[in-house]
Amino acid sequence: MSSLSHRRPTTRSLRYRSAPNGNLLTANGDAVNDVPTQSSEIVEFTTTGRFVRQFNVDAAEGGAFGIGLASLSKLVRFAFVDDNAVNLTVTD
């Protein structure tokens, strides 16, 4: 397990959000610190700084630009922007 203080992803973060469970979500575009295997991803950390997961938004650097969360009753909607494709994705 990696921890927030030992992982590099937060050095490339364009946006931060708190998830309903308190975890930290970051949008990492990598436009400054290019890492070919982690080009544009959303990364999640626990409240204690432990890495939870990440997923790729775009294969090219600079894509993961923004993130948002909205609660509708018991449903939480998660949205992220792929700046390369000029695309907004909203999930349930």
C-alpha atoms as a PDB file:
ATOM      1  CA  MET A   1       0.000   0.000   0.000  1.00  0.00           C
ATOM      2  CA  SER A   2       1.209   3.443  -0.868  1.00  0.00           C
ATOM      3  CA  SER A   3       0.393   6.454   1.217  1.00  0.00           C
ATOM      4  CA  LEU A   4      -0.330  10.027   0.244  1.00  0.00           C
ATOM      5  CA  SER A   5       2.979  11.237   1.639  1.00  0.00           C
ATOM      6  CA  HIS A   6       4.915   8.674  -0.420  1.00  0.00           C
ATOM      7  CA  ARG A   7       3.073   8.886  -3.756  1.00  0.00           C
ATOM      8  CA  ARG A   8       3.799  11.343  -6.478  1.00  0.00           C
ATOM      9  CA  PRO A   9       0.238  11.795  -7.927  1.00  0.00           C
ATOM     10  CA  THR A  10      -0.620  14.819  -5.801  1.00  0.00           C
ATOM     11  CA  THR A  11       2.216  16.812  -7.401  1.00  0.00           C
ATOM     12  CA  ARG A  12       0.251  16.799 -10.668  1.00  0.00           C
ATOM     13  CA  SER A  13      -3.240  17.381  -9.326  1.00  0.00           C
ATOM     14  CA  LEU A  14      -5.452  19.939 -10.988  1.00  0.00           C
ATOM     15  CA  ARG A  15      -8.486  19.471  -8.774  1.00  0.00           C
ATOM     16  CA  TYR A  16      -9.309  17.959  -5.364  1.00  0.00           C
ATOM     17  CA  ARG A  17     -12.685  16.840  -3.990  1.00  0.00           C
ATOM     18  CA  SER A  18     -13.843  15.060  -0.843  1.00  0.00           C
ATOM     19  CA  ALA A  19     -15.922  11.943  -1.501  1.00  0.00           C
ATOM     20  CA  PRO A  20     -19.037  11.229   0.620  1.00  0.00           C
ATOM     21  CA  ASN A  21     -16.991   8.683   2.608  1.00  0.00           C
ATOM     22  CA  GLY A  22     -14.397  11.372   3.375  1.00  0.00           C
ATOM     23  CA  ASN A  23     -11.765  10.068   0.947  1.00  0.00           C
ATOM     24  CA  LEU A  24      -9.787  12.504  -1.192  1.00  0.00           C
ATOM     25  CA  LEU A  25     -10.257  12.404  -4.975  1.00  0.00           C
ATOM     26  CA  THR A  26      -7.716  14.089  -7.231  1.00  0.00           C
ATOM     27  CA  ALA A  27      -7.691  14.820 -10.959  1.00  0.00           C
ATOM     28  CA  ASN A  28      -4.125  14.376 -12.219  1.00  0.00           C
ATOM     29  CA  GLY A  29      -3.494  15.738 -15.701  1.00  0.00           C
ATOM     30  CA  ASP A  30       0.286  15.117 -15.875  1.00  0.00           C
ATOM     31  CA  ALA A  31       0.850  18.071 -18.183  1.00  0.00           C
ATOM     32  CA  VAL A  32       3.817  19.151 -16.048  1.00  0.00           C
ATOM     33  CA  ASN A  33       5.328  15.885 -14.783  1.00  0.00           C
ATOM     34  CA  ASP A  34       4.725  13.423 -17.604  1.00  0.00           C
ATOM     35  CA  VAL A  35       4.478   9.780 -16.498  1.00  0.00           C
ATOM     36  CA  PRO A  36       3.657   7.682 -19.606  1.00  0.00           C
ATOM     37  CA  THR A  37       1.966   4.891 -17.632  1.00  0.00           C
ATOM     38  CA  GLN A  38      -0.230   7.328 -15.684  1.00  0.00           C
ATOM     39  CA  SER A  39      -1.109   9.977 -18.195  1.00  0.00           C
ATOM     40  CA  SER A  40      -4.447  11.393 -17.016  1.00  0.00           C
ATOM     41  CA  GLU A  41      -6.103   9.760 -14.058  1.00  0.00           C
ATOM     42  CA  ILE A  42      -8.455  10.197 -11.142  1.00  0.00           C
ATOM     43  CA  VAL A  43      -6.825   8.968  -7.913  1.00  0.00           C
ATOM     44  CA  GLU A  44      -8.493   8.205  -4.559  1.00  0.00           C
ATOM     45  CA  PHE A  45      -6.874   8.282  -1.105  1.00  0.00           C
ATOM     46  CA  THR A  46      -8.350   7.457   2.310  1.00  0.00           C
ATOM     47  CA  THR A  47      -8.590  10.033   5.079  1.00  0.00           C
ATOM     48  CA  THR A  48      -5.368   8.567   6.508  1.00  0.00           C
ATOM     49  CA  GLY A  49      -3.527   9.053   3.203  1.00  0.00           C
ATOM     50  CA  ARG A  50      -3.575   5.491   1.880  1.00  0.00           C
ATOM     51  CA  PHE A  51      -3.886   4.934  -1.851  1.00  0.00           C
ATOM     52  CA  VAL A  52      -7.242   3.303  -2.734  1.00  0.00           C
ATOM     53  CA  ARG A  53      -7.434   3.229  -6.545  1.00  0.00           C
ATOM     54  CA  GLN A  54      -7.003   5.166  -9.732  1.00  0.00           C
ATOM     55  CA  PHE A  55      -8.538   5.076 -13.186  1.00  0.00           C
ATOM     56  CA  ASN A  56      -7.443   6.484 -16.496  1.00  0.00           C
ATOM     57  CA  VAL A  57      -9.449   9.322 -18.033  1.00  0.00           C
ATOM     58  CA  ASP A  58      -7.438   9.707 -21.257  1.00  0.00           C
ATOM     59  CA  ALA A  59      -4.373   8.024 -22.764  1.00  0.00           C
ATOM     60  CA  ALA A  60      -2.758  11.426 -23.432  1.00  0.00           C
ATOM     61  CA  GLU A  61      -1.369  13.764 -20.790  1.00  0.00           C
ATOM     62  CA  GLY A  62      -3.430  16.736 -19.705  1.00  0.00           C
ATOM     63  CA  GLY A  63      -6.832  15.043 -19.942  1.00  0.00           C
ATOM     64  CA  ALA A  64      -7.979  14.715 -16.319  1.00  0.00           C
ATOM     65  CA  PHE A  65      -8.977  18.300 -15.669  1.00  0.00           C
ATOM     66  CA  GLY A  66     -11.851  18.482 -13.216  1.00  0.00           C
ATOM     67  CA  ILE A  67     -14.007  16.357 -10.932  1.00  0.00           C
ATOM     68  CA  GLY A  68     -17.328  16.869  -9.224  1.00  0.00           C
ATOM     69  CA  LEU A  69     -19.726  15.041  -6.913  1.00  0.00           C
ATOM     70  CA  ALA A  70     -23.431  15.517  -6.281  1.00  0.00           C
ATOM     71  CA  SER A  71     -25.694  13.660  -3.859  1.00  0.00           C
ATOM     72  CA  LEU A  72     -29.294  13.054  -4.881  1.00  0.00           C
ATOM     73  CA  SER A  73     -31.049  11.230  -2.066  1.00  0.00           C
ATOM     74  CA  LYS A  74     -29.001   8.009  -1.675  1.00  0.00           C
ATOM     75  CA  LEU A  75     -27.497   8.309  -5.152  1.00  0.00           C
ATOM     76  CA  VAL A  76     -24.066   9.903  -5.559  1.00  0.00           C
ATOM     77  CA  ARG A  77     -23.171  11.149  -9.015  1.00  0.00           C
ATOM     78  CA  PHE A  78     -19.522  11.458  -9.955  1.00  0.00           C
ATOM     79  CA  ALA A  79     -18.430  13.615 -12.882  1.00  0.00           C
ATOM     80  CA  PHE A  80     -15.058  14.193 -14.492  1.00  0.00           C
ATOM     81  CA  VAL A  81     -13.760  16.263 -17.384  1.00  0.00           C
ATOM     82  CA  ASP A  82     -11.466  14.932 -20.110  1.00  0.00           C
ATOM     83  CA  ASP A  83      -9.947  18.175 -21.369  1.00  0.00           C
ATOM     84  CA  ASN A  84      -8.304  16.471 -24.359  1.00  0.00           C
ATOM     85  CA  ALA A  85     -11.580  15.125 -25.722  1.00  0.00           C
ATOM     86  CA  VAL A  86     -13.588  18.141 -24.458  1.00  0.00           C
ATOM     87  CA  ASN A  87     -15.869  15.649 -22.730  1.00  0.00           C
ATOM     88  CA  LEU A  88     -17.830  15.586 -19.467  1.00  0.00           C
ATOM     89  CA  THR A  89     -18.691  12.140 -18.089  1.00  0.00           C
ATOM     90  CA  VAL A  90     -21.325  11.746 -15.358  1.00  0.00           C
ATOM     91  CA  THR A  91     -21.739   8.407 -13.585  1.00  0.00           C
ATOM     92  CA  ASP A  92     -24.152   7.055 -10.988  1.00  0.00           C
END
